[in-house]
N, C-alpha and C. Protein backbone atom coordinates (compact mmCIF):
# COMPACT_ATOMS: atom_id res chain seq x y z
N MET A 1 1.10 -1.10 0.24
CA MET A 1 0.07 0.13 0.09
C MET A 1 1.33 1.26 -0.25
N ASP A 2 0.66 2.31 -0.75
CA ASP A 2 1.31 3.75 -0.45
C ASP A 2 1.54 4.44 0.55
N ARG A 3 2.34 4.37 0.82
CA ARG A 3 2.48 5.32 2.30
C ARG A 3 2.11 6.32 2.39
N GLY A 4 2.03 7.33 1.48
CA GLY A 4 1.31 8.43 1.48
C GLY A 4 -0.05 8.64 1.81
N PHE A 5 -0.60 7.36 1.20
CA PHE A 5 -2.26 7.12 1.15
C PHE A 5 -2.20 7.31 2.71
N VAL A 6 -1.79 5.75 3.44
CA VAL A 6 -1.73 5.61 4.78
C VAL A 6 -1.76 6.52 5.72
N MET A 7 -0.78 7.70 5.18
CA MET A 7 -0.93 8.59 6.42
C MET A 7 -1.76 9.66 5.99
N ARG A 8 -1.90 9.97 4.82
CA ARG A 8 -3.38 10.82 4.86
C ARG A 8 -4.75 10.52 5.34
N LEU A 9 -4.27 8.94 5.71
CA LEU A 9 -5.49 8.41 6.74
C LEU A 9 -6.03 8.45 7.42
N ARG A 10 -4.65 8.72 8.59
CA ARG A 10 -4.52 8.76 10.11
C ARG A 10 -4.92 9.56 10.39
N LEU A 11 -4.88 11.27 9.86
CA LEU A 11 -5.51 12.14 10.76
C LEU A 11 -6.91 12.14 10.58
N PRO A 12 -7.69 11.99 9.88
CA PRO A 12 -9.03 11.87 9.54
C PRO A 12 -9.44 10.55 10.49
N LEU A 13 -8.99 9.38 10.39
CA LEU A 13 -9.32 8.65 11.80
C LEU A 13 -9.11 8.72 13.03
N PHE A 14 -8.18 9.71 12.84
CA PHE A 14 -7.56 10.30 14.42
C PHE A 14 -8.81 10.96 15.02
N ILE A 15 -9.30 11.67 14.21
CA ILE A 15 -10.58 12.56 14.51
C ILE A 15 -11.59 11.89 14.78
N VAL A 16 -11.62 10.88 13.92
CA VAL A 16 -13.42 10.45 14.34
C VAL A 16 -13.58 9.25 15.45
N THR A 17 -11.94 9.20 15.60
CA THR A 17 -12.17 7.95 17.07
C THR A 17 -12.16 9.17 18.10
N ALA A 18 -11.17 10.00 18.25
CA ALA A 18 -11.55 11.19 19.33
C ALA A 18 -12.92 11.89 19.56
N ALA A 19 -13.80 11.89 18.38
CA ALA A 19 -14.70 12.53 18.37
C ALA A 19 -15.96 11.56 19.12
N PHE A 20 -15.63 10.45 18.72
CA PHE A 20 -16.33 9.44 19.68
C PHE A 20 -16.23 8.99 21.12
N LEU A 21 -15.06 9.05 21.60
CA LEU A 21 -14.71 9.03 22.82
C LEU A 21 -15.10 10.28 23.35
N VAL A 22 -14.93 11.56 22.98
CA VAL A 22 -15.56 12.57 23.95
C VAL A 22 -16.84 12.46 23.75
N SER A 23 -18.00 11.92 22.91
CA SER A 23 -19.37 12.32 22.95
C SER A 23 -19.76 11.13 23.82
N THR A 24 -18.99 9.99 24.06
CA THR A 24 -19.45 8.82 25.16
C THR A 24 -19.40 9.81 26.42
N LEU A 25 -18.59 10.92 26.73
CA LEU A 25 -18.49 11.23 28.29
C LEU A 25 -19.46 11.35 28.98
N PRO A 26 -20.37 12.33 28.82
CA PRO A 26 -21.44 12.41 29.26
C PRO A 26 -22.22 11.40 29.72
N VAL A 27 -22.60 10.39 28.90
CA VAL A 27 -23.17 9.42 28.90
C VAL A 27 -22.62 8.74 30.47
N ALA A 28 -21.10 8.36 30.44
CA ALA A 28 -20.51 7.92 31.12
C ALA A 28 -20.64 8.46 32.44
N ALA A 29 -20.59 9.77 32.32
CA ALA A 29 -20.86 10.55 33.96
C ALA A 29 -21.74 10.43 34.61
N HIS A 30 -23.29 10.11 33.59
CA HIS A 30 -24.31 10.55 34.16
C HIS A 30 -24.91 9.46 34.64
N HIS A 31 -24.83 8.93 36.31
CA HIS A 31 -25.20 7.66 36.86
C HIS A 31 -26.98 7.50 37.21
N GLY A 32 -27.71 8.08 36.77
CA GLY A 32 -29.24 8.22 36.81
C GLY A 32 -29.53 7.93 37.61
N TRP A 33 -30.27 7.24 38.09
CA TRP A 33 -31.11 6.53 38.54
C TRP A 33 -31.20 5.43 39.17
N SER A 34 -30.32 4.22 38.93
CA SER A 34 -30.09 2.91 38.58
C SER A 34 -29.41 2.64 39.93
N GLY A 35 -28.81 3.35 40.79
CA GLY A 35 -28.39 3.13 42.48
C GLY A 35 -29.37 3.39 43.38
N GLN A 36 -30.50 3.33 42.96
CA GLN A 36 -31.62 4.03 44.00
C GLN A 36 -32.52 3.17 44.18
N GLY A 37 -33.41 2.72 45.30
CA GLY A 37 -34.30 2.10 44.99
C GLY A 37 -35.21 2.08 44.60
N ASP A 38 -36.50 1.26 44.18
CA ASP A 38 -37.72 1.81 43.12
C ASP A 38 -38.60 2.34 44.05
N GLU A 39 -38.50 1.86 45.49
CA GLU A 39 -39.92 2.55 46.28
C GLU A 39 -39.48 3.88 46.63
N GLU A 40 -40.68 4.61 47.00
CA GLU A 40 -40.65 5.93 47.20
C GLU A 40 -40.10 6.00 48.69
N PHE A 41 -39.65 7.25 49.12
CA PHE A 41 -38.84 6.91 50.36
C PHE A 41 -38.73 8.74 50.82
N GLN A 42 -39.31 8.86 52.58
CA GLN A 42 -39.21 10.32 52.75
C GLN A 42 -38.72 10.31 54.08
N LEU A 43 -37.64 11.55 54.13
CA LEU A 43 -37.24 11.54 55.48
C LEU A 43 -37.50 12.76 55.93
N SER A 44 -37.10 13.35 57.44
CA SER A 44 -37.87 14.18 57.66
C SER A 44 -36.37 14.89 58.79
N GLY A 45 -35.99 15.72 58.71
CA GLY A 45 -34.57 15.73 59.34
C GLY A 45 -34.31 16.94 59.73
N THR A 46 -33.01 17.48 60.24
CA THR A 46 -32.38 19.06 60.09
C THR A 46 -31.51 19.56 59.12
N LEU A 47 -31.48 20.25 58.34
CA LEU A 47 -30.25 20.62 57.18
C LEU A 47 -29.31 20.50 58.18
N ALA A 48 -28.00 19.95 57.92
CA ALA A 48 -26.77 19.67 58.15
C ALA A 48 -25.69 20.77 57.69
N THR A 49 -26.07 20.53 56.24
CA THR A 49 -24.96 21.60 55.72
C THR A 49 -26.09 21.99 54.52
N PRO A 50 -25.45 23.59 54.11
CA PRO A 50 -26.79 24.12 53.32
C PRO A 50 -26.49 23.45 51.79
N VAL A 51 -27.47 23.88 50.98
CA VAL A 51 -27.54 23.38 49.65
C VAL A 51 -26.41 24.05 48.54
N SER A 52 -25.86 23.22 47.94
CA SER A 52 -24.65 23.35 47.14
C SER A 52 -25.07 23.30 45.71
N LEU A 53 -24.98 24.19 44.86
CA LEU A 53 -25.31 24.04 43.38
C LEU A 53 -24.31 23.40 42.50
N ALA A 54 -22.94 23.55 43.55
CA ALA A 54 -21.77 22.74 42.53
C ALA A 54 -22.14 21.15 42.24
N GLY A 55 -21.00 21.10 41.07
CA GLY A 55 -20.92 19.86 40.61
C GLY A 55 -21.88 19.74 39.84
N PRO A 56 -22.01 18.28 39.72
CA PRO A 56 -23.09 17.80 38.23
C PRO A 56 -24.17 17.44 38.97
N HIS A 57 -24.86 17.54 39.77
CA HIS A 57 -26.14 17.51 41.35
C HIS A 57 -26.02 18.29 42.32
N ALA A 58 -26.85 19.25 42.73
CA ALA A 58 -26.73 20.18 43.64
C ALA A 58 -26.89 19.26 45.01
N THR A 59 -26.64 19.40 45.83
CA THR A 59 -26.42 18.59 47.23
C THR A 59 -26.86 19.28 48.68
N MET A 60 -26.89 18.44 49.78
CA MET A 60 -27.24 19.08 50.84
C MET A 60 -27.04 18.23 51.60
N LYS A 61 -27.13 18.32 53.41
CA LYS A 61 -27.10 16.76 53.93
C LYS A 61 -28.48 17.09 55.11
N VAL A 62 -29.12 16.08 55.37
CA VAL A 62 -29.88 16.40 56.77
C VAL A 62 -29.67 15.33 57.66
N ARG A 63 -29.97 15.98 59.29
CA ARG A 63 -29.28 15.09 60.08
C ARG A 63 -30.81 14.24 60.44
N ASP A 64 -30.78 12.92 60.65
CA ASP A 64 -31.95 12.11 60.83
C ASP A 64 -32.33 12.12 62.60
N ASP A 65 -33.24 11.87 63.14
CA ASP A 65 -33.80 12.07 64.34
C ASP A 65 -32.72 11.40 65.12
N LYS A 66 -31.88 10.03 64.51
CA LYS A 66 -31.10 9.46 65.42
C LYS A 66 -29.89 9.50 65.48
N GLY A 67 -29.26 11.07 64.73
CA GLY A 67 -28.06 11.51 64.29
C GLY A 67 -27.76 11.04 63.11
N ARG A 68 -28.14 10.61 62.31
CA ARG A 68 -27.14 9.87 61.10
C ARG A 68 -27.49 11.22 60.01
N VAL A 69 -26.31 11.03 59.78
CA VAL A 69 -26.36 13.00 58.55
C VAL A 69 -26.56 11.77 56.90
N TRP A 70 -27.19 12.00 56.53
CA TRP A 70 -27.84 11.70 55.04
C TRP A 70 -27.13 12.83 53.84
N ASP A 71 -26.21 11.94 52.86
CA ASP A 71 -26.28 12.65 51.77
C ASP A 71 -27.67 12.87 50.66
N ILE A 72 -28.03 14.02 50.42
CA ILE A 72 -29.27 14.42 49.50
C ILE A 72 -28.74 14.92 48.49
N THR A 73 -28.94 14.03 47.59
CA THR A 73 -28.88 14.57 45.60
C THR A 73 -29.66 14.87 45.13
N LEU A 74 -29.36 16.10 44.67
CA LEU A 74 -30.87 16.83 44.02
C LEU A 74 -30.73 16.55 42.46
N ALA A 75 -31.43 17.69 41.78
CA ALA A 75 -30.98 17.86 40.19
C ALA A 75 -29.85 18.71 40.25
N PRO A 76 -29.07 18.68 38.99
CA PRO A 76 -28.34 19.51 38.43
C PRO A 76 -28.73 21.06 38.94
N GLY A 77 -27.53 21.80 39.08
CA GLY A 77 -27.78 22.98 39.91
C GLY A 77 -28.95 23.40 39.14
N ALA A 78 -28.49 24.01 37.85
CA ALA A 78 -29.65 24.72 37.24
C ALA A 78 -31.06 24.44 37.42
N ARG A 79 -31.04 23.24 37.35
CA ARG A 79 -32.68 22.75 37.44
C ARG A 79 -33.14 23.05 38.70
N THR A 80 -32.06 22.67 39.74
CA THR A 80 -32.66 22.60 41.16
C THR A 80 -33.05 24.29 41.53
N GLU A 81 -31.83 25.32 40.74
CA GLU A 81 -32.21 26.59 41.33
C GLU A 81 -33.22 27.19 40.86
N ARG A 82 -34.04 26.62 39.58
CA ARG A 82 -35.15 27.09 38.62
C ARG A 82 -36.39 26.71 39.53
N ALA A 83 -36.19 25.45 40.40
CA ALA A 83 -37.35 24.97 41.01
C ALA A 83 -37.17 26.12 42.71
N GLY A 84 -36.35 27.10 42.57
CA GLY A 84 -36.61 27.89 43.58
C GLY A 84 -35.44 27.60 44.84
N LEU A 85 -35.16 26.64 44.77
CA LEU A 85 -33.91 26.11 45.78
C LEU A 85 -32.62 26.12 45.79
N LYS A 86 -32.30 27.68 46.04
CA LYS A 86 -31.13 28.37 45.94
C LYS A 86 -30.16 28.02 46.90
N GLU A 87 -29.03 28.09 46.49
CA GLU A 87 -27.82 28.49 48.04
C GLU A 87 -28.40 29.07 48.80
N GLY A 88 -28.73 29.15 49.99
CA GLY A 88 -29.20 30.10 51.37
C GLY A 88 -30.34 30.28 51.75
N VAL A 89 -31.31 29.44 50.81
CA VAL A 89 -32.85 29.68 50.78
C VAL A 89 -33.05 29.00 52.00
N ILE A 90 -32.68 27.90 52.35
CA ILE A 90 -33.12 26.94 53.54
C ILE A 90 -31.86 27.03 54.86
N PRO A 91 -31.87 28.09 55.91
CA PRO A 91 -30.97 28.26 56.67
C PRO A 91 -30.84 26.65 57.43
N VAL A 92 -29.44 26.62 57.81
CA VAL A 92 -28.79 25.22 58.38
C VAL A 92 -29.49 24.94 60.12
N GLY A 93 -29.93 24.04 60.20
CA GLY A 93 -30.79 23.72 61.15
C GLY A 93 -31.77 23.68 61.14
N GLU A 94 -32.35 24.21 60.17
CA GLU A 94 -34.30 24.36 59.76
C GLU A 94 -34.65 22.54 59.44
N LYS A 95 -36.18 22.39 59.84
CA LYS A 95 -36.44 21.23 59.64
C LYS A 95 -36.73 21.00 58.43
N VAL A 96 -36.53 19.77 57.64
CA VAL A 96 -36.82 20.00 56.21
C VAL A 96 -36.99 18.47 55.87
N THR A 97 -37.83 18.05 54.92
CA THR A 97 -38.62 16.84 54.39
C THR A 97 -38.25 16.81 52.71
N VAL A 98 -37.61 15.33 52.79
CA VAL A 98 -36.86 15.44 51.30
C VAL A 98 -37.60 14.15 50.95
N HIS A 99 -38.03 13.88 49.63
CA HIS A 99 -39.29 12.67 48.87
C HIS A 99 -38.16 12.06 47.79
N GLY A 100 -38.07 10.92 47.90
CA GLY A 100 -37.36 10.53 46.66
C GLY A 100 -37.40 9.09 46.74
N HIS A 101 -35.69 8.48 46.23
CA HIS A 101 -35.32 7.42 46.32
C HIS A 101 -34.00 7.12 47.40
N ARG A 102 -34.24 6.11 48.32
CA ARG A 102 -32.89 5.87 48.65
C ARG A 102 -31.90 4.60 48.17
N SER A 103 -30.42 4.75 48.43
CA SER A 103 -29.40 4.41 47.80
C SER A 103 -30.12 2.97 48.06
N ARG A 104 -30.02 1.83 47.06
CA ARG A 104 -29.97 0.41 47.13
C ARG A 104 -29.38 -0.05 48.72
N ASP A 105 -28.16 0.11 48.24
CA ASP A 105 -27.24 -0.31 49.79
C ASP A 105 -27.55 0.07 50.78
N ALA A 106 -28.32 -0.42 51.52
CA ALA A 106 -28.46 -0.29 53.05
C ALA A 106 -27.75 0.52 53.98
N ASN A 107 -26.48 0.57 53.89
CA ASN A 107 -25.61 0.93 54.50
C ASN A 107 -24.86 2.41 53.86
N ARG A 108 -25.63 2.82 52.97
CA ARG A 108 -25.40 4.08 52.34
C ARG A 108 -26.74 4.84 53.04
N PHE A 109 -26.36 6.12 53.27
CA PHE A 109 -27.54 6.76 53.85
C PHE A 109 -27.48 8.09 53.19
N GLU A 110 -27.93 7.99 51.76
CA GLU A 110 -28.03 8.48 50.37
C GLU A 110 -29.89 8.67 49.80
N ILE A 111 -29.81 9.92 49.61
CA ILE A 111 -31.41 9.74 48.80
C ILE A 111 -31.19 10.44 47.63
N LYS A 112 -32.06 9.92 46.33
CA LYS A 112 -31.88 11.10 44.97
C LYS A 112 -33.29 11.40 45.24
N THR A 113 -33.05 12.86 45.27
CA THR A 113 -34.19 13.51 46.14
C THR A 113 -35.68 14.30 44.73
N GLU A 114 -36.73 14.02 44.88
CA GLU A 114 -37.36 14.75 44.06
C GLU A 114 -38.07 15.89 44.34
N ARG A 115 -38.02 16.03 45.56
CA ARG A 115 -38.89 17.23 46.14
C ARG A 115 -38.08 17.50 47.62
N VAL A 116 -38.07 18.67 48.38
CA VAL A 116 -37.95 19.27 49.41
C VAL A 116 -38.78 19.82 49.83
N THR A 117 -39.84 19.69 51.13
CA THR A 117 -40.13 20.71 51.84
C THR A 117 -39.54 21.51 52.65
N TRP A 118 -40.19 22.83 53.04
CA TRP A 118 -39.21 23.36 53.96
C TRP A 118 -40.30 24.68 54.51
N ASN A 119 -40.51 24.81 55.67
CA ASN A 119 -41.47 25.69 56.18
C ASN A 119 -42.89 25.88 55.32
N GLY A 120 -43.19 24.87 54.76
CA GLY A 120 -44.79 24.84 53.97
C GLY A 120 -44.20 24.97 52.63
N LYS A 121 -43.04 25.47 52.02
CA LYS A 121 -42.47 25.10 50.70
C LYS A 121 -42.49 24.09 49.93
N THR A 122 -42.90 23.83 48.68
CA THR A 122 -42.20 22.38 48.30
C THR A 122 -41.40 23.22 47.21
N PHE A 123 -40.40 22.34 47.06
CA PHE A 123 -38.76 22.69 45.96
C PHE A 123 -39.23 21.49 45.05
N ASP A 124 -39.91 21.14 44.14
CA ASP A 124 -40.21 19.82 43.04
C ASP A 124 -38.74 19.93 42.09
N VAL A 125 -37.63 19.45 42.19
CA VAL A 125 -36.60 19.51 41.64
C VAL A 125 -36.95 18.62 40.35
N TYR A 126 -37.37 17.65 40.49
CA TYR A 126 -38.04 16.57 39.47
C TYR A 126 -39.13 16.38 39.67
N PRO A 127 -39.93 17.74 38.51
CA PRO A 127 -41.11 17.78 38.34
C PRO A 127 -42.00 16.16 38.18
N ASP A 128 -41.31 15.94 37.11
CA ASP A 128 -41.52 14.92 36.15
C ASP A 128 -41.37 13.93 36.78
N ARG A 129 -40.91 13.62 37.52
CA ARG A 129 -41.16 11.91 38.39
C ARG A 129 -42.38 12.17 39.35
N LYS A 130 -42.99 12.04 39.30
CA LYS A 130 -44.33 11.38 40.35
C LYS A 130 -44.37 10.04 41.02
């Protein structure tokens, strides 16, 4: 085979391969709901850390009546903010109720949350999941 022909094919092949690999990154990075149980789960407690909109999903921590601190995973930051749940809206120490799906691993105190209720207001961060 002509060496010049092979060299001309290397760059387009590299570009196509790189584009394919980059296009799969968002799918690999998004974990979805597969790690959560199918049953609805509700937890009431006090806000232990404030809402953070940083990272791929907004987060906060809630302490239950047994003193366990739960990791609360919300929707992506922009979606959580559109639902009205912004950083600083709920003061640390306030009573909140979160509704969503608990981790399938019973040793992990984690909830992927659909909505948060505080002071009579409901923040529906996943309104399409009822």
